[in-house]
Amino acid sequence: MAVILVGAMIVASIETVWAGQVTPFNKNIVTWDYKELNNIEIKKGEEMGRFKLGSTAIVLFGKNAVNWEESLQADTPTKMGMHFGNVVTK
């Protein structure tokens, strides 16, 4: 197995859970008036937004080293902590 860590140099965009992507928005300058969004409720520990940095980790395995989840296909959206499969133990 090999792990390649790819780090971002700058923030690519910012996204909130109540308004989605707020910057950059189609490469245009957009002003948001958050006072109009008065029904926002966020509980302690809940996500309120994220910086979309573009960092990633690439993990490479040898042939037949992993039993992959059958539901995974090319272009399947993934999230942190998602189960991809099991490493084959010899």
Protein backbone atom coordinates (compact mmCIF):
# COMPACT_ATOMS: atom_id res chain seq x y z
CA MET A 1 0.00 0.00 0.00
CA ALA A 2 1.14 3.55 -0.73
CA VAL A 3 -0.41 6.84 0.43
CA ILE A 4 0.17 10.07 -1.48
CA LEU A 5 -0.88 13.23 0.39
CA VAL A 6 -1.85 16.20 -1.79
CA GLY A 7 -2.16 19.53 0.05
CA ALA A 8 -3.91 22.68 -1.10
CA MET A 9 -2.13 26.02 -1.14
CA ILE A 10 -5.21 28.27 -0.88
CA VAL A 11 -8.93 28.00 -0.14
CA ALA A 12 -10.83 27.10 -3.30
CA SER A 13 -14.26 28.04 -1.94
CA ILE A 14 -16.42 28.33 1.16
CA GLU A 15 -19.71 26.51 1.74
CA THR A 16 -22.31 26.80 4.54
CA VAL A 17 -24.99 24.26 5.44
CA TRP A 18 -27.76 26.88 5.08
CA ALA A 19 -26.71 28.61 1.84
CA GLY A 20 -24.49 26.11 0.02
CA GLN A 21 -21.46 27.41 -1.83
CA VAL A 22 -21.06 31.11 -1.10
CA THR A 23 -17.70 31.90 -2.66
CA PRO A 24 -16.58 31.93 -5.37
CA PHE A 25 -19.99 31.87 -6.98
CA ASN A 26 -19.52 31.38 -10.73
CA LYS A 27 -16.50 33.69 -10.49
CA ASN A 28 -18.79 36.66 -9.70
CA ILE A 29 -18.74 38.84 -6.61
CA VAL A 30 -21.83 38.05 -4.51
CA THR A 31 -22.97 39.75 -1.32
CA TRP A 32 -25.02 37.73 1.20
CA ASP A 33 -27.26 39.36 3.80
CA TYR A 34 -27.33 36.74 6.55
CA LYS A 35 -29.73 38.86 8.64
CA GLU A 36 -32.49 37.68 6.26
CA LEU A 37 -31.75 34.05 7.16
CA ASN A 38 -33.19 34.22 10.67
CA ASN A 39 -34.30 30.56 10.91
CA ILE A 40 -30.80 29.08 11.03
CA GLU A 41 -30.40 26.69 13.98
CA ILE A 42 -27.15 24.87 14.58
CA LYS A 43 -26.76 22.59 17.58
CA LYS A 44 -23.51 22.22 19.49
CA GLY A 45 -21.09 20.06 17.51
CA GLU A 46 -23.02 20.28 14.23
CA GLU A 47 -21.30 21.35 11.04
CA MET A 48 -21.96 24.95 10.02
CA GLY A 49 -19.78 25.09 6.95
CA ARG A 50 -16.51 24.16 5.39
CA PHE A 51 -13.51 25.56 3.60
CA LYS A 52 -13.15 23.63 0.37
CA LEU A 53 -9.40 23.39 0.18
CA GLY A 54 -8.94 20.80 -2.51
CA SER A 55 -6.61 18.62 -0.45
CA THR A 56 -6.85 14.88 -0.88
CA ALA A 57 -5.15 11.60 -0.17
CA ILE A 58 -4.47 9.02 -2.86
CA VAL A 59 -4.22 5.44 -1.59
CA LEU A 60 -2.75 2.78 -3.88
CA PHE A 61 -3.04 -0.98 -3.33
CA GLY A 62 -1.47 -3.91 -5.13
CA LYS A 63 -3.56 -6.20 -7.32
CA ASN A 64 -6.12 -8.27 -5.33
CA ALA A 65 -5.08 -6.58 -2.06
CA VAL A 66 -8.57 -5.24 -1.28
CA ASN A 67 -12.10 -6.63 -1.45
CA TRP A 68 -13.90 -3.47 -2.62
CA GLU A 69 -17.52 -2.63 -1.80
CA GLU A 70 -19.60 -3.65 -4.81
CA SER A 71 -21.57 -0.38 -4.64
CA LEU A 72 -18.43 1.65 -5.51
CA GLN A 73 -18.16 2.56 -9.18
CA ALA A 74 -16.17 5.17 -11.10
CA ASP A 75 -17.36 8.66 -10.10
CA THR A 76 -19.18 7.39 -6.96
CA PRO A 77 -19.35 10.32 -4.49
CA THR A 78 -17.44 9.53 -1.30
CA LYS A 79 -17.30 11.07 2.17
CA MET A 80 -14.76 10.96 4.95
CA GLY A 81 -15.16 7.83 7.04
CA MET A 82 -17.03 5.94 4.33
CA HIS A 83 -16.29 2.19 4.11
CA PHE A 84 -14.66 1.27 0.78
CA GLY A 85 -13.74 -2.34 1.36
CA ASN A 86 -11.56 -4.72 3.36
CA VAL A 87 -7.84 -5.34 3.05
CA VAL A 88 -7.14 -8.96 2.18
CA THR A 89 -5.12 -10.65 4.92
CA LYS A 90 -2.93 -13.56 3.95
